N, C-alpha and C. Protein backbone atom coordinates (compact mmCIF):
# COMPACT_ATOMS: atom_id res chain seq x y z
N UNK A 1 0.83 -1.21 0.00
CA UNK A 1 0.00 0.00 0.00
C UNK A 1 0.86 1.26 0.00
N UNK A 2 1.98 1.23 0.75
CA UNK A 2 2.85 2.41 0.84
C UNK A 2 3.41 2.78 -0.53
N UNK A 3 3.76 1.77 -1.34
CA UNK A 3 4.32 2.06 -2.66
C UNK A 3 3.27 2.67 -3.59
N UNK A 4 2.05 2.21 -3.51
CA UNK A 4 0.97 2.78 -4.32
C UNK A 4 0.75 4.24 -3.94
N UNK A 5 0.70 4.51 -2.65
CA UNK A 5 0.51 5.88 -2.17
C UNK A 5 1.69 6.75 -2.61
N UNK A 6 2.89 6.20 -2.56
CA UNK A 6 4.07 6.96 -2.98
C UNK A 6 3.99 7.32 -4.47
N UNK A 7 3.59 6.38 -5.30
CA UNK A 7 3.46 6.66 -6.74
C UNK A 7 2.40 7.72 -6.97
N UNK A 8 1.26 7.60 -6.32
CA UNK A 8 0.19 8.60 -6.49
C UNK A 8 0.66 9.97 -6.00
N UNK A 9 1.42 9.99 -4.92
CA UNK A 9 1.95 11.25 -4.41
C UNK A 9 2.94 11.87 -5.38
N UNK A 10 3.73 11.04 -6.06
CA UNK A 10 4.64 11.54 -7.09
C UNK A 10 3.88 12.14 -8.26
N UNK A 11 2.77 11.51 -8.63
CA UNK A 11 1.94 12.08 -9.70
C UNK A 11 1.32 13.41 -9.27
N UNK A 12 0.95 13.50 -7.98
CA UNK A 12 0.43 14.77 -7.47
C UNK A 12 1.51 15.85 -7.47
N UNK A 13 2.77 15.43 -7.33
CA UNK A 13 3.85 16.40 -7.43
C UNK A 13 3.87 17.03 -8.82
N UNK A 14 3.63 16.21 -9.84
CA UNK A 14 3.52 16.73 -11.20
C UNK A 14 2.37 17.73 -11.28
N UNK A 15 1.24 17.39 -10.68
CA UNK A 15 0.07 18.28 -10.72
C UNK A 15 0.38 19.63 -10.07
N UNK A 16 1.02 19.60 -8.90
CA UNK A 16 1.27 20.89 -8.26
C UNK A 16 2.34 21.70 -8.98
N UNK A 17 3.30 21.03 -9.61
CA UNK A 17 4.32 21.77 -10.36
C UNK A 17 3.71 22.48 -11.57
N UNK A 18 2.84 21.77 -12.29
CA UNK A 18 2.18 22.37 -13.45
C UNK A 18 1.23 23.48 -13.00
N UNK A 19 0.50 23.24 -11.92
CA UNK A 19 -0.42 24.27 -11.41
C UNK A 19 0.35 25.50 -10.94
N UNK A 20 1.52 25.30 -10.35
CA UNK A 20 2.34 26.43 -9.92
C UNK A 20 2.74 27.28 -11.13
N UNK A 21 3.14 26.63 -12.21
CA UNK A 21 3.47 27.36 -13.43
C UNK A 21 2.27 28.13 -13.96
N UNK A 22 1.13 27.49 -13.97
CA UNK A 22 -0.09 28.10 -14.51
C UNK A 22 -0.69 29.17 -13.60
N UNK A 23 -0.26 29.21 -12.34
CA UNK A 23 -0.83 30.19 -11.41
C UNK A 23 -0.32 31.61 -11.67
N UNK A 24 0.72 31.74 -12.51
CA UNK A 24 1.30 33.05 -12.84
C UNK A 24 1.64 33.83 -11.57
N UNK A 25 2.44 33.19 -10.72
CA UNK A 25 2.84 33.86 -9.48
C UNK A 25 1.70 34.02 -8.49
N UNK A 26 0.81 33.07 -8.47
CA UNK A 26 -0.37 33.05 -7.59
C UNK A 26 -1.35 34.19 -7.88
N UNK A 27 -1.38 34.64 -9.14
CA UNK A 27 -2.33 35.70 -9.51
C UNK A 27 -3.61 35.13 -10.12
N UNK A 28 -3.61 33.82 -10.42
CA UNK A 28 -4.80 33.18 -10.99
C UNK A 28 -5.36 32.22 -9.93
N UNK A 29 -6.62 32.44 -9.51
CA UNK A 29 -7.16 31.69 -8.37
C UNK A 29 -7.27 30.17 -8.57
N UNK A 30 -7.78 29.71 -9.71
CA UNK A 30 -7.99 28.27 -9.88
C UNK A 30 -6.68 27.49 -9.88
N UNK A 31 -5.71 27.86 -10.70
CA UNK A 31 -4.44 27.12 -10.64
C UNK A 31 -3.76 27.24 -9.27
N UNK A 32 -3.93 28.38 -8.61
CA UNK A 32 -3.36 28.54 -7.27
C UNK A 32 -4.00 27.58 -6.29
N UNK A 33 -5.31 27.40 -6.39
CA UNK A 33 -6.02 26.46 -5.51
C UNK A 33 -5.62 25.01 -5.82
N UNK A 34 -5.51 24.68 -7.11
CA UNK A 34 -5.07 23.33 -7.49
C UNK A 34 -3.67 23.09 -6.94
N UNK A 35 -2.81 24.08 -7.04
CA UNK A 35 -1.45 23.96 -6.49
C UNK A 35 -1.51 23.63 -5.00
N UNK A 36 -2.25 24.42 -4.24
CA UNK A 36 -2.28 24.24 -2.78
C UNK A 36 -2.83 22.86 -2.39
N UNK A 37 -3.93 22.46 -3.02
CA UNK A 37 -4.55 21.18 -2.66
C UNK A 37 -3.65 20.01 -3.06
N UNK A 38 -3.10 20.06 -4.27
CA UNK A 38 -2.26 18.95 -4.72
C UNK A 38 -0.94 18.90 -3.95
N UNK A 39 -0.41 20.05 -3.55
CA UNK A 39 0.81 20.08 -2.75
C UNK A 39 0.59 19.41 -1.40
N UNK A 40 -0.48 19.79 -0.73
CA UNK A 40 -0.77 19.20 0.59
C UNK A 40 -1.03 17.71 0.46
N UNK A 41 -1.80 17.30 -0.53
CA UNK A 41 -2.09 15.88 -0.73
C UNK A 41 -0.82 15.10 -1.08
N UNK A 42 0.04 15.68 -1.89
CA UNK A 42 1.28 15.02 -2.26
C UNK A 42 2.19 14.84 -1.04
N UNK A 43 2.33 15.87 -0.25
CA UNK A 43 3.16 15.79 0.96
C UNK A 43 2.57 14.80 1.98
N UNK A 44 1.26 14.81 2.11
CA UNK A 44 0.62 13.88 3.04
C UNK A 44 0.83 12.44 2.59
N UNK A 45 0.73 12.20 1.30
CA UNK A 45 0.98 10.86 0.78
C UNK A 45 2.42 10.44 0.99
N UNK A 46 3.35 11.35 0.76
CA UNK A 46 4.76 11.05 1.00
C UNK A 46 5.00 10.72 2.46
N UNK A 47 4.42 11.50 3.35
CA UNK A 47 4.57 11.25 4.78
C UNK A 47 4.02 9.87 5.16
N UNK A 48 2.88 9.52 4.60
CA UNK A 48 2.28 8.21 4.87
C UNK A 48 3.20 7.09 4.37
N UNK A 49 3.69 7.24 3.16
CA UNK A 49 4.53 6.20 2.57
C UNK A 49 5.83 6.02 3.35
N UNK A 50 6.36 7.11 3.90
CA UNK A 50 7.63 7.03 4.62
C UNK A 50 7.50 6.29 5.95
N UNK A 51 6.31 5.94 6.33
CA UNK A 51 6.15 5.08 7.52
C UNK A 51 6.71 3.69 7.26
N UNK A 52 6.64 3.24 5.99
CA UNK A 52 7.07 1.89 5.64
C UNK A 52 8.28 1.84 4.69
N UNK A 53 8.59 2.95 4.06
CA UNK A 53 9.67 3.00 3.07
C UNK A 53 10.76 3.91 3.63
N UNK A 54 12.03 3.50 3.55
CA UNK A 54 13.11 4.38 4.04
C UNK A 54 13.09 5.74 3.35
N UNK A 55 13.44 6.77 4.08
CA UNK A 55 13.33 8.14 3.58
C UNK A 55 14.17 8.36 2.32
N UNK A 56 15.37 7.82 2.25
CA UNK A 56 16.20 8.01 1.07
C UNK A 56 15.56 7.44 -0.18
N UNK A 57 15.04 6.24 -0.06
CA UNK A 57 14.36 5.59 -1.18
C UNK A 57 13.06 6.30 -1.52
N UNK A 58 12.25 6.54 -0.51
CA UNK A 58 10.94 7.15 -0.73
C UNK A 58 11.02 8.53 -1.36
N UNK A 59 11.91 9.35 -0.82
CA UNK A 59 12.03 10.70 -1.35
C UNK A 59 12.56 10.69 -2.78
N UNK A 60 13.56 9.86 -3.04
CA UNK A 60 14.12 9.79 -4.39
C UNK A 60 13.08 9.32 -5.41
N UNK A 61 12.29 8.32 -5.03
CA UNK A 61 11.24 7.83 -5.93
C UNK A 61 10.19 8.91 -6.15
N UNK A 62 9.78 9.57 -5.10
CA UNK A 62 8.76 10.63 -5.17
C UNK A 62 9.22 11.76 -6.09
N UNK A 63 10.45 12.22 -5.89
CA UNK A 63 11.00 13.29 -6.73
C UNK A 63 11.15 12.83 -8.17
N UNK A 64 11.62 11.59 -8.36
CA UNK A 64 11.81 11.07 -9.71
C UNK A 64 10.51 11.01 -10.48
N UNK A 65 9.47 10.51 -9.84
CA UNK A 65 8.16 10.44 -10.50
C UNK A 65 7.66 11.84 -10.82
N UNK A 66 7.79 12.75 -9.88
CA UNK A 66 7.34 14.12 -10.12
C UNK A 66 8.12 14.81 -11.21
N UNK A 67 9.44 14.61 -11.23
CA UNK A 67 10.27 15.26 -12.25
C UNK A 67 9.98 14.72 -13.64
N UNK A 68 9.91 13.40 -13.75
CA UNK A 68 9.63 12.80 -15.06
C UNK A 68 8.22 13.18 -15.52
N UNK A 69 7.26 13.11 -14.62
CA UNK A 69 5.89 13.47 -14.98
C UNK A 69 5.77 14.90 -15.44
N UNK A 70 6.44 15.80 -14.73
CA UNK A 70 6.39 17.22 -15.10
C UNK A 70 7.06 17.45 -16.45
N UNK A 71 8.19 16.80 -16.68
CA UNK A 71 8.87 16.95 -17.97
C UNK A 71 8.04 16.39 -19.11
N UNK A 72 7.38 15.26 -18.88
CA UNK A 72 6.54 14.66 -19.93
C UNK A 72 5.36 15.57 -20.24
N UNK A 73 4.70 16.11 -19.22
CA UNK A 73 3.60 17.05 -19.46
C UNK A 73 4.11 18.25 -20.24
N UNK A 74 5.28 18.74 -19.86
CA UNK A 74 5.86 19.88 -20.58
C UNK A 74 6.08 19.57 -22.05
N UNK A 75 6.58 18.38 -22.33
CA UNK A 75 6.85 18.01 -23.72
C UNK A 75 5.56 17.74 -24.50
N UNK A 76 4.60 17.05 -23.88
CA UNK A 76 3.39 16.64 -24.59
C UNK A 76 2.38 17.78 -24.72
N UNK A 77 2.22 18.55 -23.66
CA UNK A 77 1.13 19.51 -23.65
C UNK A 77 1.56 20.98 -23.69
N UNK A 78 2.82 21.25 -23.36
CA UNK A 78 3.22 22.65 -23.22
C UNK A 78 4.27 23.09 -24.24
N UNK A 79 4.55 22.24 -25.21
CA UNK A 79 5.44 22.63 -26.29
C UNK A 79 6.92 22.66 -25.96
N UNK A 80 7.32 22.01 -24.88
CA UNK A 80 8.74 21.95 -24.56
C UNK A 80 9.44 20.95 -25.46
N UNK A 81 10.73 21.09 -25.59
CA UNK A 81 11.52 20.23 -26.46
C UNK A 81 11.39 18.76 -26.07
N UNK A 82 11.20 17.91 -27.08
CA UNK A 82 11.14 16.46 -26.87
C UNK A 82 12.28 15.80 -27.63
N UNK A 83 13.47 16.35 -27.48
CA UNK A 83 14.63 15.83 -28.21
C UNK A 83 15.02 14.45 -27.68
N UNK A 84 15.71 13.72 -28.50
CA UNK A 84 16.16 12.38 -28.13
C UNK A 84 17.05 12.39 -26.89
N UNK A 85 18.02 13.29 -26.77
CA UNK A 85 18.82 13.30 -25.54
C UNK A 85 18.00 13.57 -24.28
N UNK A 86 17.02 14.44 -24.41
CA UNK A 86 16.17 14.74 -23.26
C UNK A 86 15.34 13.53 -22.85
N UNK A 87 14.78 12.84 -23.83
CA UNK A 87 14.00 11.63 -23.54
C UNK A 87 14.90 10.55 -22.96
N UNK A 88 16.13 10.43 -23.46
CA UNK A 88 17.07 9.44 -22.93
C UNK A 88 17.38 9.73 -21.46
N UNK A 89 17.56 10.99 -21.13
CA UNK A 89 17.82 11.36 -19.73
C UNK A 89 16.63 11.03 -18.83
N UNK A 90 15.43 11.27 -19.31
CA UNK A 90 14.24 10.92 -18.54
C UNK A 90 14.13 9.41 -18.34
N UNK A 91 14.51 8.65 -19.35
CA UNK A 91 14.51 7.19 -19.21
C UNK A 91 15.52 6.74 -18.17
N UNK A 92 16.63 7.44 -18.05
CA UNK A 92 17.60 7.13 -17.01
C UNK A 92 17.01 7.38 -15.61
N UNK A 93 16.25 8.45 -15.48
CA UNK A 93 15.59 8.72 -14.20
C UNK A 93 14.60 7.61 -13.88
N UNK A 94 13.81 7.21 -14.88
CA UNK A 94 12.85 6.11 -14.69
C UNK A 94 13.58 4.84 -14.28
N UNK A 95 14.69 4.55 -14.93
CA UNK A 95 15.47 3.36 -14.58
C UNK A 95 15.95 3.44 -13.13
N UNK A 96 16.35 4.60 -12.70
CA UNK A 96 16.77 4.79 -11.31
C UNK A 96 15.64 4.55 -10.33
N UNK A 97 14.47 5.07 -10.64
CA UNK A 97 13.30 4.88 -9.77
C UNK A 97 12.94 3.39 -9.70
N UNK A 98 12.92 2.72 -10.83
CA UNK A 98 12.62 1.28 -10.85
C UNK A 98 13.68 0.51 -10.06
N UNK A 99 14.94 0.90 -10.24
CA UNK A 99 16.01 0.25 -9.50
C UNK A 99 15.86 0.43 -8.01
N UNK A 100 15.50 1.60 -7.57
CA UNK A 100 15.29 1.82 -6.14
C UNK A 100 14.18 0.95 -5.59
N UNK A 101 13.13 0.77 -6.37
CA UNK A 101 12.04 -0.10 -5.94
C UNK A 101 12.51 -1.57 -5.90
N UNK A 102 13.19 -2.00 -6.94
CA UNK A 102 13.60 -3.41 -7.01
C UNK A 102 14.60 -3.76 -5.91
N UNK A 103 15.49 -2.84 -5.58
CA UNK A 103 16.54 -3.14 -4.61
C UNK A 103 16.25 -2.59 -3.23
N UNK A 104 15.00 -2.26 -2.98
CA UNK A 104 14.54 -1.74 -1.68
C UNK A 104 14.72 -2.77 -0.60
C-alpha cells in the first residue's frame, strides 16, 4: 500500500508543479487552488509512505516520479523540447526509480 501511495503522491507532485506554473505567481485563483490542494495531498501521501519506506528511497522515488511526470507534461502539452537526448535522460531517471524499488 505504501508504494501505491508513494506513486500517487509523485503524480500529485507533477500536478502541483504544473499548477504552480499556470498560477502566474499566484495571480490566478484556480491554478493557485489546485497547487495548494495537490501540494498538501502530495506531501501527506509522501509522509504516509515514509512510515514503511526508508526516507532516502521514498524521497528519491517521489522526486523522480514528479520530475519525469512534469517533464513529460511539458513536452506533450506545453510545447517543450522532446529531443532524443532529453528523452534518454528521462529514461535514465525512470530506470533509477525502478532500480530503487527493485533493490529496496
